[in-house]
Amino acid sequence: MALGIGTMVSEPANLSRAQMELLEAHGVESMERGLTVAQAAQRRECLNVVRPPVDCPAWLCIVLPCIGHLPSMVAFAKLKPEDAEVKRDSQWVCYDAVSVVTGDILRLTEGDVVPADCTVLQLVDGGTDEVLVDTSAITGEDRPRSITRNSKDNTTKPVQLFYGSYVLQGSVIAIVTAVGDQTMLAHLICAGTWPPKGNIVLSPDALDTVDEEAGVSLITRDTL
């Protein structure tokens, strides 16, 4: 039976209340099971594709190949994810990044390009004690986002990651919160504010002061 928004979830104790609520809000019954094939198909209203800064027909790009050499287009090409490791019916499987849907559970590993906007649920057991993700190409931040466990309760801060970010170190489990035109990168491109000319995060300390209970965004969308 398909799960709906507001589904009650039962998860290990090392998830915070905010992370449990995030799973519930996205209709995910279990992080360990992920979505079923049928559930993912029901959610796939469109492909997980972000339109480039210069969105022109393919024939025009052929006639005017210089378009692909524009600085914004060169930068955009470096952010495109190829695939994603997704929990589907309790199994980790590799899909094309365009197939990812909201509510998907991802495993992100060192060297991966983040395939969608997502929020971290936990570090992968047996991995490093700190995960570093470079979001500078999206947000202009001058340092990687650091993800660690809370030594008191073993929970992991629900750090927000964005489509096109790059995993520098470690491995995490995350839940997809936005795909395609709904991602932060797509909003910035649409608003004409990408590539970033500086750090668009609320403050230099925003990463350390994020409201874990609310799982709030680190970015002010009022600037979009």
N, C-alpha and C. Protein backbone atom coordinates (compact mmCIF):
# COMPACT_ATOMS: atom_id res chain seq x y z
N MET A 1 0.85 -1.19 0.00
CA MET A 1 0.00 0.00 0.00
C MET A 1 0.88 1.24 0.00
N ALA A 2 0.55 2.18 -0.82
CA ALA A 2 1.35 3.39 -0.93
C ALA A 2 1.27 4.20 0.35
N LEU A 3 2.41 4.76 0.72
CA LEU A 3 2.47 5.58 1.92
C LEU A 3 2.12 7.01 1.58
N GLY A 4 1.45 7.68 2.47
CA GLY A 4 1.09 9.07 2.22
C GLY A 4 1.87 10.00 3.10
N ILE A 5 1.76 11.29 2.83
CA ILE A 5 2.42 12.28 3.65
C ILE A 5 1.85 12.18 5.07
N GLY A 6 2.73 12.21 6.06
CA GLY A 6 2.28 12.10 7.44
C GLY A 6 2.35 10.68 7.96
N THR A 7 2.94 9.74 7.17
CA THR A 7 3.08 8.36 7.60
C THR A 7 3.92 8.28 8.87
N MET A 8 3.49 7.46 9.83
CA MET A 8 4.25 7.27 11.05
C MET A 8 5.47 6.41 10.74
N VAL A 9 6.61 6.79 11.31
CA VAL A 9 7.83 6.06 11.05
C VAL A 9 8.38 5.49 12.35
N SER A 10 9.14 4.42 12.19
CA SER A 10 9.82 3.81 13.33
C SER A 10 11.27 3.60 12.94
N GLU A 11 12.18 4.30 13.61
CA GLU A 11 13.58 4.28 13.22
C GLU A 11 14.49 4.09 14.43
N PRO A 12 15.77 3.81 14.19
CA PRO A 12 16.73 3.67 15.29
C PRO A 12 16.80 4.93 16.13
N ALA A 13 17.27 4.79 17.35
CA ALA A 13 17.31 5.91 18.29
C ALA A 13 18.33 6.97 17.91
N ASN A 14 19.22 6.68 16.92
CA ASN A 14 20.24 7.66 16.58
C ASN A 14 19.77 8.66 15.52
N LEU A 15 18.45 8.78 15.34
CA LEU A 15 17.88 9.85 14.52
C LEU A 15 17.27 10.88 15.46
N SER A 16 17.49 12.15 15.15
CA SER A 16 16.90 13.22 15.96
C SER A 16 15.42 13.35 15.65
N ARG A 17 14.72 14.11 16.48
CA ARG A 17 13.29 14.33 16.25
C ARG A 17 13.07 15.02 14.90
N ALA A 18 13.93 15.98 14.58
CA ALA A 18 13.79 16.69 13.31
C ALA A 18 13.94 15.74 12.13
N GLN A 19 14.86 14.79 12.23
CA GLN A 19 15.06 13.83 11.15
C GLN A 19 13.89 12.86 11.04
N MET A 20 13.36 12.43 12.18
CA MET A 20 12.17 11.57 12.18
C MET A 20 11.00 12.29 11.52
N GLU A 21 10.84 13.56 11.86
CA GLU A 21 9.74 14.34 11.29
C GLU A 21 9.94 14.54 9.79
N LEU A 22 11.19 14.65 9.36
CA LEU A 22 11.48 14.80 7.94
C LEU A 22 11.09 13.55 7.17
N LEU A 23 11.41 12.38 7.71
CA LEU A 23 11.00 11.13 7.08
C LEU A 23 9.48 11.06 6.99
N GLU A 24 8.82 11.40 8.09
CA GLU A 24 7.36 11.35 8.12
C GLU A 24 6.75 12.31 7.12
N ALA A 25 7.30 13.52 7.04
CA ALA A 25 6.76 14.53 6.13
C ALA A 25 6.86 14.11 4.68
N HIS A 26 7.88 13.30 4.37
CA HIS A 26 8.07 12.85 2.99
C HIS A 26 7.48 11.47 2.75
N GLY A 27 6.69 10.98 3.71
CA GLY A 27 5.98 9.73 3.51
C GLY A 27 6.89 8.51 3.43
N VAL A 28 8.01 8.56 4.15
CA VAL A 28 8.95 7.44 4.15
C VAL A 28 8.77 6.66 5.44
N GLU A 29 8.34 5.43 5.33
CA GLU A 29 8.05 4.62 6.52
C GLU A 29 9.31 4.21 7.25
N SER A 30 10.38 3.94 6.50
CA SER A 30 11.61 3.46 7.13
C SER A 30 12.83 3.87 6.31
N MET A 31 13.82 4.42 6.98
CA MET A 31 15.08 4.74 6.33
C MET A 31 15.76 3.47 5.85
N GLU A 32 15.56 2.38 6.58
CA GLU A 32 16.20 1.12 6.23
C GLU A 32 15.59 0.50 4.97
N ARG A 33 14.32 0.76 4.71
CA ARG A 33 13.66 0.20 3.53
C ARG A 33 13.66 1.16 2.35
N GLY A 34 13.60 2.45 2.64
CA GLY A 34 13.50 3.41 1.55
C GLY A 34 12.15 3.32 0.87
N LEU A 35 12.07 3.87 -0.32
CA LEU A 35 10.83 3.79 -1.10
C LEU A 35 10.79 2.49 -1.89
N THR A 36 9.59 2.04 -2.20
CA THR A 36 9.44 0.90 -3.09
C THR A 36 9.51 1.40 -4.53
N VAL A 37 9.65 0.48 -5.46
CA VAL A 37 9.66 0.85 -6.88
C VAL A 37 8.35 1.53 -7.25
N ALA A 38 7.24 1.01 -6.73
CA ALA A 38 5.93 1.59 -7.05
C ALA A 38 5.79 2.99 -6.47
N GLN A 39 6.25 3.19 -5.24
CA GLN A 39 6.16 4.52 -4.62
C GLN A 39 7.00 5.54 -5.38
N ALA A 40 8.19 5.13 -5.79
CA ALA A 40 9.06 6.04 -6.54
C ALA A 40 8.41 6.42 -7.87
N ALA A 41 7.79 5.45 -8.53
CA ALA A 41 7.14 5.72 -9.81
C ALA A 41 5.98 6.71 -9.65
N GLN A 42 5.23 6.58 -8.55
CA GLN A 42 4.12 7.49 -8.29
C GLN A 42 4.60 8.92 -8.07
N ARG A 43 5.79 9.08 -7.52
CA ARG A 43 6.31 10.41 -7.20
C ARG A 43 7.04 11.06 -8.37
N ARG A 44 7.35 10.30 -9.39
CA ARG A 44 8.17 10.81 -10.49
C ARG A 44 7.32 11.60 -11.48
N GLU A 45 6.98 12.83 -11.08
CA GLU A 45 6.18 13.70 -11.94
C GLU A 45 7.01 14.27 -13.08
N CYS A 46 8.30 14.40 -12.85
CA CYS A 46 9.22 14.89 -13.89
C CYS A 46 10.60 14.36 -13.56
N LEU A 47 11.51 14.45 -14.52
CA LEU A 47 12.87 13.98 -14.29
C LEU A 47 13.65 14.97 -13.42
N ASN A 48 14.60 14.44 -12.70
CA ASN A 48 15.45 15.26 -11.84
C ASN A 48 16.52 15.95 -12.68
N VAL A 49 16.11 16.98 -13.39
CA VAL A 49 17.00 17.70 -14.30
C VAL A 49 16.95 19.19 -13.98
N VAL A 50 18.11 19.81 -13.87
CA VAL A 50 18.20 21.26 -13.67
C VAL A 50 18.55 21.90 -15.00
N ARG A 51 17.79 22.91 -15.38
CA ARG A 51 18.03 23.59 -16.65
C ARG A 51 19.28 24.44 -16.56
N PRO A 52 20.09 24.46 -17.62
CA PRO A 52 21.35 25.22 -17.59
C PRO A 52 21.12 26.73 -17.61
N PRO A 53 22.13 27.52 -17.28
CA PRO A 53 22.00 28.98 -17.28
C PRO A 53 21.58 29.55 -18.62
N VAL A 54 22.09 28.95 -19.69
CA VAL A 54 21.68 29.34 -21.04
C VAL A 54 20.92 28.15 -21.61
N ASP A 55 19.61 28.20 -21.50
CA ASP A 55 18.76 27.06 -21.88
C ASP A 55 18.25 27.26 -23.30
N CYS A 56 19.01 26.76 -24.25
CA CYS A 56 18.65 26.93 -25.66
C CYS A 56 18.45 25.58 -26.32
N PRO A 57 17.74 25.53 -27.45
CA PRO A 57 17.52 24.27 -28.16
C PRO A 57 18.85 23.64 -28.57
N ALA A 58 18.87 22.32 -28.66
CA ALA A 58 20.10 21.61 -29.01
C ALA A 58 20.65 22.07 -30.35
N TRP A 59 19.74 22.36 -31.31
CA TRP A 59 20.21 22.75 -32.64
C TRP A 59 20.96 24.08 -32.59
N LEU A 60 20.54 24.97 -31.69
CA LEU A 60 21.20 26.27 -31.58
C LEU A 60 22.59 26.11 -30.96
N CYS A 61 22.70 25.19 -30.03
CA CYS A 61 24.01 24.94 -29.43
C CYS A 61 24.99 24.36 -30.45
N ILE A 62 24.44 23.63 -31.43
CA ILE A 62 25.28 23.08 -32.49
C ILE A 62 25.72 24.20 -33.43
N VAL A 63 24.78 25.08 -33.76
CA VAL A 63 25.08 26.20 -34.66
C VAL A 63 26.01 27.20 -33.98
N LEU A 64 25.80 27.41 -32.68
CA LEU A 64 26.62 28.36 -31.91
C LEU A 64 27.34 27.61 -30.78
N PRO A 65 28.37 26.85 -31.11
CA PRO A 65 29.06 26.05 -30.09
C PRO A 65 29.71 26.90 -29.00
N CYS A 66 29.87 28.19 -29.26
CA CYS A 66 30.48 29.06 -28.25
C CYS A 66 29.63 29.15 -26.98
N ILE A 67 28.32 28.84 -27.11
CA ILE A 67 27.44 28.89 -25.94
C ILE A 67 27.95 27.96 -24.84
N GLY A 68 28.41 26.80 -25.25
CA GLY A 68 28.90 25.83 -24.27
C GLY A 68 30.18 26.24 -23.59
N HIS A 69 30.85 27.27 -24.12
CA HIS A 69 32.11 27.73 -23.54
C HIS A 69 31.94 28.95 -22.66
N LEU A 70 30.70 29.42 -22.50
CA LEU A 70 30.45 30.53 -21.59
C LEU A 70 30.84 30.10 -20.17
N PRO A 71 31.41 31.01 -19.36
CA PRO A 71 31.85 30.64 -18.00
C PRO A 71 30.76 29.95 -17.18
N SER A 72 29.53 30.46 -17.26
CA SER A 72 28.45 29.86 -16.47
C SER A 72 28.12 28.45 -16.95
N MET A 73 28.21 28.22 -18.26
CA MET A 73 27.92 26.90 -18.80
C MET A 73 29.03 25.90 -18.46
N VAL A 74 30.27 26.38 -18.48
CA VAL A 74 31.39 25.51 -18.11
C VAL A 74 31.27 25.11 -16.64
N ALA A 75 30.93 26.09 -15.78
CA ALA A 75 30.76 25.81 -14.35
C ALA A 75 29.60 24.86 -14.12
N PHE A 76 28.50 25.05 -14.86
CA PHE A 76 27.31 24.21 -14.71
C PHE A 76 27.62 22.77 -15.08
N ALA A 77 28.39 22.57 -16.15
CA ALA A 77 28.69 21.22 -16.61
C ALA A 77 29.43 20.41 -15.55
N LYS A 78 30.21 21.09 -14.70
CA LYS A 78 30.98 20.40 -13.67
C LYS A 78 30.10 19.92 -12.51
N LEU A 79 28.88 20.45 -12.43
CA LEU A 79 27.99 20.11 -11.31
C LEU A 79 27.04 18.97 -11.62
N LYS A 80 26.99 18.54 -12.86
CA LYS A 80 26.00 17.55 -13.27
C LYS A 80 26.30 16.17 -12.70
N PRO A 81 25.40 15.62 -11.88
CA PRO A 81 25.60 14.27 -11.35
C PRO A 81 25.25 13.22 -12.39
N GLU A 82 25.96 12.12 -12.37
CA GLU A 82 25.70 11.06 -13.35
C GLU A 82 24.79 9.98 -12.77
N ASP A 83 25.04 9.58 -11.55
CA ASP A 83 24.26 8.50 -10.95
C ASP A 83 24.04 8.75 -9.47
N ALA A 84 23.27 7.87 -8.86
CA ALA A 84 22.95 8.01 -7.44
C ALA A 84 22.74 6.63 -6.84
N GLU A 85 23.23 6.44 -5.61
CA GLU A 85 23.01 5.19 -4.90
C GLU A 85 21.79 5.38 -4.00
N VAL A 86 20.74 4.61 -4.30
CA VAL A 86 19.42 4.81 -3.69
C VAL A 86 18.97 3.55 -2.96
N LYS A 87 18.35 3.72 -1.80
CA LYS A 87 17.75 2.58 -1.08
C LYS A 87 16.36 2.33 -1.68
N ARG A 88 16.19 1.19 -2.34
CA ARG A 88 14.94 0.85 -3.00
C ARG A 88 14.52 -0.55 -2.57
N ASP A 89 13.37 -0.65 -1.90
CA ASP A 89 12.89 -1.96 -1.42
C ASP A 89 13.95 -2.64 -0.55
N SER A 90 14.57 -1.86 0.35
CA SER A 90 15.55 -2.37 1.33
C SER A 90 16.91 -2.71 0.73
N GLN A 91 17.10 -2.44 -0.56
CA GLN A 91 18.37 -2.75 -1.21
C GLN A 91 19.01 -1.47 -1.76
N TRP A 92 20.34 -1.39 -1.67
CA TRP A 92 21.05 -0.28 -2.29
C TRP A 92 21.23 -0.57 -3.77
N VAL A 93 20.74 0.33 -4.60
CA VAL A 93 20.85 0.16 -6.05
C VAL A 93 21.36 1.46 -6.66
N CYS A 94 21.99 1.35 -7.82
CA CYS A 94 22.52 2.52 -8.51
C CYS A 94 21.58 2.90 -9.65
N TYR A 95 21.11 4.15 -9.64
CA TYR A 95 20.22 4.66 -10.66
C TYR A 95 20.86 5.87 -11.34
N ASP A 96 20.38 6.18 -12.54
CA ASP A 96 20.74 7.46 -13.14
C ASP A 96 20.22 8.56 -12.24
N ALA A 97 20.98 9.63 -12.09
CA ALA A 97 20.59 10.72 -11.19
C ALA A 97 19.24 11.33 -11.58
N VAL A 98 18.90 11.30 -12.85
CA VAL A 98 17.64 11.90 -13.30
C VAL A 98 16.43 11.15 -12.76
N SER A 99 16.62 9.93 -12.25
CA SER A 99 15.51 9.11 -11.76
C SER A 99 15.20 9.32 -10.29
N VAL A 100 16.03 10.09 -9.59
CA VAL A 100 15.83 10.32 -8.15
C VAL A 100 14.55 11.11 -7.90
N VAL A 101 13.83 10.77 -6.83
CA VAL A 101 12.58 11.47 -6.48
C VAL A 101 12.66 11.95 -5.03
N THR A 102 11.78 12.88 -4.67
CA THR A 102 11.73 13.35 -3.29
C THR A 102 11.35 12.18 -2.37
N GLY A 103 12.01 12.12 -1.23
CA GLY A 103 11.78 11.02 -0.30
C GLY A 103 12.75 9.88 -0.48
N ASP A 104 13.51 9.87 -1.56
CA ASP A 104 14.50 8.82 -1.75
C ASP A 104 15.57 8.90 -0.67
N ILE A 105 16.04 7.74 -0.23
CA ILE A 105 17.14 7.65 0.72
C ILE A 105 18.41 7.41 -0.08
N LEU A 106 19.39 8.31 0.08
CA LEU A 106 20.64 8.23 -0.68
C LEU A 106 21.80 7.83 0.22
N ARG A 107 22.78 7.16 -0.39
CA ARG A 107 24.07 6.98 0.27
C ARG A 107 25.09 7.77 -0.54
N LEU A 108 25.65 8.80 0.08
CA LEU A 108 26.62 9.67 -0.58
C LEU A 108 28.01 9.33 -0.07
N THR A 109 28.94 9.12 -1.00
CA THR A 109 30.28 8.68 -0.65
C THR A 109 31.32 9.61 -1.26
N GLU A 110 32.49 9.64 -0.65
CA GLU A 110 33.59 10.47 -1.13
C GLU A 110 33.75 10.37 -2.64
N GLY A 111 33.77 11.52 -3.31
CA GLY A 111 33.90 11.57 -4.76
C GLY A 111 32.57 11.73 -5.48
N ASP A 112 31.46 11.60 -4.75
CA ASP A 112 30.13 11.73 -5.37
C ASP A 112 29.76 13.19 -5.57
N VAL A 113 29.02 13.44 -6.66
CA VAL A 113 28.33 14.72 -6.84
C VAL A 113 26.93 14.52 -6.28
N VAL A 114 26.51 15.37 -5.37
CA VAL A 114 25.19 15.22 -4.74
C VAL A 114 24.11 15.36 -5.82
N PRO A 115 23.24 14.34 -6.00
CA PRO A 115 22.31 14.31 -7.13
C PRO A 115 21.00 15.05 -6.93
N ALA A 116 20.78 15.64 -5.75
CA ALA A 116 19.52 16.36 -5.47
C ALA A 116 19.71 17.13 -4.17
N ASP A 117 18.82 18.07 -3.89
CA ASP A 117 18.84 18.71 -2.58
C ASP A 117 18.43 17.65 -1.55
N CYS A 118 19.14 17.58 -0.46
CA CYS A 118 18.85 16.55 0.53
C CYS A 118 19.30 17.00 1.92
N THR A 119 18.84 16.28 2.92
CA THR A 119 19.21 16.55 4.31
C THR A 119 19.82 15.30 4.91
N VAL A 120 20.93 15.46 5.59
CA VAL A 120 21.66 14.33 6.16
C VAL A 120 20.86 13.69 7.30
N LEU A 121 20.83 12.36 7.30
CA LEU A 121 20.18 11.60 8.37
C LEU A 121 21.21 11.01 9.34
N GLN A 122 22.27 10.43 8.79
CA GLN A 122 23.31 9.86 9.66
C GLN A 122 24.57 9.57 8.87
N LEU A 123 25.68 9.44 9.59
CA LEU A 123 26.92 9.00 8.99
C LEU A 123 26.85 7.50 8.76
N VAL A 124 27.56 7.02 7.75
CA VAL A 124 27.60 5.58 7.48
C VAL A 124 28.47 4.91 8.53
N ASP A 125 27.96 3.85 9.15
CA ASP A 125 28.71 3.12 10.17
C ASP A 125 30.01 2.57 9.59
N GLY A 126 31.07 2.68 10.38
CA GLY A 126 32.36 2.16 9.94
C GLY A 126 33.16 3.13 9.10
N GLY A 127 32.58 4.30 8.83
CA GLY A 127 33.27 5.30 8.03
C GLY A 127 34.03 6.29 8.89
N THR A 128 34.35 7.44 8.32
CA THR A 128 35.07 8.47 9.05
C THR A 128 34.17 9.13 10.08
N ASP A 129 34.79 9.78 11.06
CA ASP A 129 34.03 10.46 12.11
C ASP A 129 33.53 11.83 11.65
N GLU A 130 34.06 12.31 10.54
CA GLU A 130 33.63 13.59 9.99
C GLU A 130 33.50 13.48 8.48
N VAL A 131 32.39 13.98 7.97
CA VAL A 131 32.17 14.02 6.52
C VAL A 131 32.25 15.48 6.08
N LEU A 132 32.94 15.72 4.97
CA LEU A 132 33.09 17.07 4.43
C LEU A 132 32.47 17.14 3.05
N VAL A 133 31.62 18.14 2.83
CA VAL A 133 30.95 18.32 1.54
C VAL A 133 31.18 19.74 1.06
N ASP A 134 31.70 19.88 -0.15
CA ASP A 134 31.98 21.18 -0.75
C ASP A 134 30.73 21.70 -1.46
N THR A 135 30.16 22.77 -0.93
CA THR A 135 28.98 23.39 -1.55
C THR A 135 29.32 24.74 -2.17
N SER A 136 30.60 25.05 -2.29
CA SER A 136 31.03 26.38 -2.74
C SER A 136 30.51 26.75 -4.11
N ALA A 137 30.39 25.77 -5.00
CA ALA A 137 29.92 26.07 -6.36
C ALA A 137 28.45 26.47 -6.37
N ILE A 138 27.71 26.11 -5.32
CA ILE A 138 26.29 26.46 -5.23
C ILE A 138 26.09 27.70 -4.37
N THR A 139 26.68 27.71 -3.19
CA THR A 139 26.42 28.75 -2.20
C THR A 139 27.53 29.78 -2.05
N GLY A 140 28.69 29.50 -2.62
CA GLY A 140 29.81 30.42 -2.48
C GLY A 140 30.50 30.33 -1.13
N GLU A 141 30.16 29.32 -0.32
CA GLU A 141 30.80 29.16 0.99
C GLU A 141 32.30 28.90 0.80
N ASP A 142 33.10 29.46 1.70
CA ASP A 142 34.55 29.33 1.57
C ASP A 142 35.11 28.14 2.33
N ARG A 143 34.26 27.34 2.95
CA ARG A 143 34.72 26.14 3.63
C ARG A 143 33.70 25.03 3.44
N PRO A 144 34.14 23.78 3.44
CA PRO A 144 33.21 22.66 3.28
C PRO A 144 32.25 22.57 4.46
N ARG A 145 31.09 22.00 4.24
CA ARG A 145 30.17 21.73 5.34
C ARG A 145 30.64 20.46 6.06
N SER A 146 30.71 20.56 7.37
CA SER A 146 31.20 19.46 8.19
C SER A 146 30.02 18.74 8.84
N ILE A 147 30.05 17.41 8.76
CA ILE A 147 28.98 16.59 9.32
C ILE A 147 29.61 15.62 10.31
N THR A 148 29.19 15.69 11.57
CA THR A 148 29.73 14.82 12.61
C THR A 148 28.60 14.28 13.48
N ARG A 149 28.93 13.29 14.30
CA ARG A 149 27.97 12.75 15.26
C ARG A 149 28.01 13.54 16.56
N ASN A 150 26.86 13.62 17.20
CA ASN A 150 26.78 14.20 18.54
C ASN A 150 27.28 13.14 19.52
N SER A 151 28.31 13.47 20.28
CA SER A 151 28.91 12.50 21.19
C SER A 151 27.97 12.07 22.31
N LYS A 152 26.96 12.89 22.60
CA LYS A 152 26.05 12.59 23.72
C LYS A 152 25.00 11.55 23.35
N ASP A 153 24.39 11.70 22.17
CA ASP A 153 23.30 10.78 21.80
C ASP A 153 23.53 10.06 20.47
N ASN A 154 24.70 10.26 19.86
CA ASN A 154 25.09 9.58 18.62
C ASN A 154 24.25 9.98 17.42
N THR A 155 23.47 11.06 17.53
CA THR A 155 22.71 11.55 16.38
C THR A 155 23.62 12.40 15.50
N THR A 156 23.18 12.63 14.28
CA THR A 156 23.94 13.43 13.32
C THR A 156 23.17 14.69 12.98
N LYS A 157 23.85 15.82 12.97
CA LYS A 157 23.18 17.09 12.66
C LYS A 157 22.55 17.02 11.27
N PRO A 158 21.29 17.46 11.11
CA PRO A 158 20.60 17.38 9.81
C PRO A 158 21.07 18.47 8.85
N VAL A 159 22.32 18.38 8.44
CA VAL A 159 22.91 19.38 7.54
C VAL A 159 22.27 19.28 6.16
N GLN A 160 22.01 20.43 5.56
CA GLN A 160 21.39 20.49 4.25
C GLN A 160 22.47 20.50 3.17
N LEU A 161 22.29 19.66 2.15
CA LEU A 161 23.19 19.59 1.01
C LEU A 161 22.42 19.91 -0.26
N PHE A 162 23.13 20.35 -1.28
CA PHE A 162 22.45 20.79 -2.49
C PHE A 162 22.93 20.05 -3.74
N TYR A 163 22.02 19.92 -4.69
CA TYR A 163 22.33 19.37 -6.01
C TYR A 163 23.60 20.03 -6.53
N GLY A 164 24.57 19.22 -6.95
CA GLY A 164 25.80 19.75 -7.50
C GLY A 164 26.93 19.90 -6.51
N SER A 165 26.65 19.69 -5.21
CA SER A 165 27.72 19.73 -4.20
C SER A 165 28.62 18.50 -4.38
N TYR A 166 29.79 18.55 -3.76
CA TYR A 166 30.78 17.48 -3.96
C TYR A 166 31.24 16.93 -2.61
N VAL A 167 31.17 15.60 -2.47
CA VAL A 167 31.58 14.95 -1.23
C VAL A 167 33.10 14.79 -1.22
N LEU A 168 33.75 15.51 -0.32
CA LEU A 168 35.21 15.49 -0.24
C LEU A 168 35.74 14.35 0.62
N GLN A 169 34.98 13.99 1.65
CA GLN A 169 35.46 12.99 2.61
C GLN A 169 34.30 12.31 3.30
N GLY A 170 34.40 10.98 3.44
CA GLY A 170 33.41 10.25 4.22
C GLY A 170 32.18 9.83 3.45
N SER A 171 31.20 9.34 4.20
CA SER A 171 29.97 8.82 3.59
C SER A 171 28.80 9.05 4.54
N VAL A 172 27.66 9.48 3.98
CA VAL A 172 26.46 9.75 4.79
C VAL A 172 25.22 9.17 4.13
N ILE A 173 24.18 9.01 4.94
CA ILE A 173 22.85 8.67 4.46
C ILE A 173 22.02 9.95 4.52
N ALA A 174 21.28 10.24 3.45
CA ALA A 174 20.49 11.47 3.39
C ALA A 174 19.15 11.22 2.73
N ILE A 175 18.19 12.10 2.98
CA ILE A 175 16.88 12.01 2.35
C ILE A 175 16.71 13.15 1.36
N VAL A 176 16.20 12.84 0.18
CA VAL A 176 16.00 13.85 -0.87
C VAL A 176 14.82 14.74 -0.51
N THR A 177 15.04 16.05 -0.55
CA THR A 177 13.99 17.01 -0.22
C THR A 177 13.52 17.82 -1.42
N ALA A 178 14.31 17.86 -2.50
CA ALA A 178 13.90 18.59 -3.69
C ALA A 178 14.69 18.08 -4.89
N VAL A 179 14.03 18.04 -6.05
CA VAL A 179 14.67 17.60 -7.28
C VAL A 179 14.39 18.59 -8.40
N GLY A 180 15.19 18.51 -9.46
CA GLY A 180 14.93 19.29 -10.67
C GLY A 180 14.76 20.78 -10.45
N ASP A 181 13.67 21.31 -10.96
CA ASP A 181 13.41 22.75 -10.90
C ASP A 181 13.17 23.27 -9.49
N GLN A 182 13.00 22.37 -8.52
CA GLN A 182 12.75 22.79 -7.15
C GLN A 182 14.03 22.87 -6.31
N THR A 183 15.18 22.52 -6.90
CA THR A 183 16.43 22.55 -6.16
C THR A 183 16.94 23.98 -5.98
N MET A 184 17.84 24.15 -5.03
CA MET A 184 18.43 25.46 -4.78
C MET A 184 19.15 25.98 -6.02
N LEU A 185 19.91 25.10 -6.69
CA LEU A 185 20.63 25.51 -7.89
C LEU A 185 19.68 26.04 -8.95
N ALA A 186 18.56 25.35 -9.15
CA ALA A 186 17.58 25.79 -10.15
C ALA A 186 17.00 27.15 -9.79
N HIS A 187 16.72 27.38 -8.51
CA HIS A 187 16.18 28.67 -8.07
C HIS A 187 17.19 29.79 -8.31
N LEU A 188 18.46 29.52 -8.01
CA LEU A 188 19.50 30.53 -8.19
C LEU A 188 19.69 30.87 -9.66
N ILE A 189 19.69 29.84 -10.51
CA ILE A 189 19.83 30.06 -11.95
C ILE A 189 18.66 30.88 -12.47
N CYS A 190 17.44 30.51 -12.05
CA CYS A 190 16.23 31.21 -12.49
C CYS A 190 16.27 32.68 -12.07
N ALA A 191 16.83 32.95 -10.90
CA ALA A 191 16.88 34.31 -10.38
C ALA A 191 18.06 35.10 -10.95
N GLY A 192 18.92 34.43 -11.72
CA GLY A 192 20.07 35.11 -12.29
C GLY A 192 21.16 35.40 -11.27
N THR A 193 21.19 34.66 -10.17
CA THR A 193 22.18 34.89 -9.12
C THR A 193 23.20 33.76 -9.01
N TRP A 194 23.30 32.97 -10.07
CA TRP A 194 24.30 31.90 -10.11
C TRP A 194 25.10 32.03 -11.39
N PRO A 195 26.43 31.78 -11.34
CA PRO A 195 27.25 31.36 -10.21
C PRO A 195 27.30 32.42 -9.10
N PRO A 196 27.48 31.99 -7.86
CA PRO A 196 27.48 32.95 -6.74
C PRO A 196 28.70 33.86 -6.78
N LYS A 197 28.49 35.11 -6.46
CA LYS A 197 29.60 36.08 -6.43
C LYS A 197 30.21 36.19 -5.04
N GLY A 198 29.60 35.51 -4.09
CA GLY A 198 30.09 35.52 -2.71
C GLY A 198 29.31 34.50 -1.92
N ASN A 199 29.56 34.45 -0.64
CA ASN A 199 28.88 33.51 0.25
C ASN A 199 27.44 33.94 0.48
N ILE A 200 26.48 33.14 0.03
CA ILE A 200 25.07 33.51 0.19
C ILE A 200 24.43 32.88 1.42
N VAL A 201 25.25 32.19 2.24
CA VAL A 201 24.76 31.64 3.50
C VAL A 201 24.43 32.79 4.43
N LEU A 202 23.45 32.57 5.31
CA LEU A 202 22.98 33.63 6.20
C LEU A 202 24.10 34.33 6.94
N SER A 203 25.06 33.57 7.49
CA SER A 203 26.17 34.16 8.22
C SER A 203 27.31 33.15 8.23
N PRO A 204 28.55 33.59 8.52
CA PRO A 204 29.68 32.66 8.56
C PRO A 204 29.48 31.53 9.56
N ASP A 205 28.66 31.77 10.59
CA ASP A 205 28.44 30.75 11.62
C ASP A 205 27.15 29.98 11.42
N ALA A 206 26.51 30.17 10.27
CA ALA A 206 25.19 29.55 10.05
C ALA A 206 25.25 28.04 10.16
N LEU A 207 26.34 27.46 9.68
CA LEU A 207 26.46 26.01 9.71
C LEU A 207 26.48 25.48 11.13
N ASP A 208 27.02 26.28 12.06
CA ASP A 208 27.13 25.83 13.44
C ASP A 208 25.91 26.17 14.27
N THR A 209 25.04 27.07 13.76
CA THR A 209 23.90 27.53 14.55
C THR A 209 22.56 27.13 13.94
N VAL A 210 22.59 26.22 12.95
CA VAL A 210 21.35 25.79 12.31
C VAL A 210 20.41 25.20 13.35
N ASP A 211 19.13 25.49 13.21
CA ASP A 211 18.10 24.98 14.11
C ASP A 211 17.85 23.52 13.79
N GLU A 212 18.40 22.61 14.59
CA GLU A 212 18.28 21.19 14.31
C GLU A 212 16.84 20.71 14.44
N GLU A 213 16.10 21.27 15.38
CA GLU A 213 14.74 20.79 15.60
C GLU A 213 13.85 21.13 14.42
N ALA A 214 14.03 22.29 13.84
CA ALA A 214 13.19 22.69 12.71
C ALA A 214 13.77 22.22 11.40
N GLY A 215 15.07 21.87 11.38
CA GLY A 215 15.69 21.46 10.13
C GLY A 215 15.66 22.59 9.12
N VAL A 216 15.87 23.83 9.57
CA VAL A 216 15.69 24.98 8.70
C VAL A 216 16.77 25.06 7.65
N SER A 217 16.45 25.74 6.55
CA SER A 217 17.41 25.95 5.47
C SER A 217 18.50 26.90 5.93
N LEU A 218 19.70 26.66 5.42
CA LEU A 218 20.82 27.54 5.72
C LEU A 218 20.88 28.71 4.76
N ILE A 219 20.00 28.73 3.81
CA ILE A 219 20.02 29.77 2.78
C ILE A 219 18.78 30.62 2.89
N THR A 220 18.90 31.92 2.74
CA THR A 220 17.73 32.79 2.73
C THR A 220 17.17 32.89 1.33
N ARG A 221 16.01 32.35 1.14
CA ARG A 221 15.40 32.38 -0.18
C ARG A 221 14.83 33.75 -0.51
N ASP A 222 14.85 34.67 0.46
CA ASP A 222 14.39 36.02 0.18
C ASP A 222 15.29 36.72 -0.82
N THR A 223 16.52 36.20 -0.97
CA THR A 223 17.44 36.83 -1.90
C THR A 223 17.27 36.31 -3.31
N LEU A 224 16.41 35.28 -3.49
CA LEU A 224 16.24 34.67 -4.80
C LEU A 224 15.28 35.47 -5.66
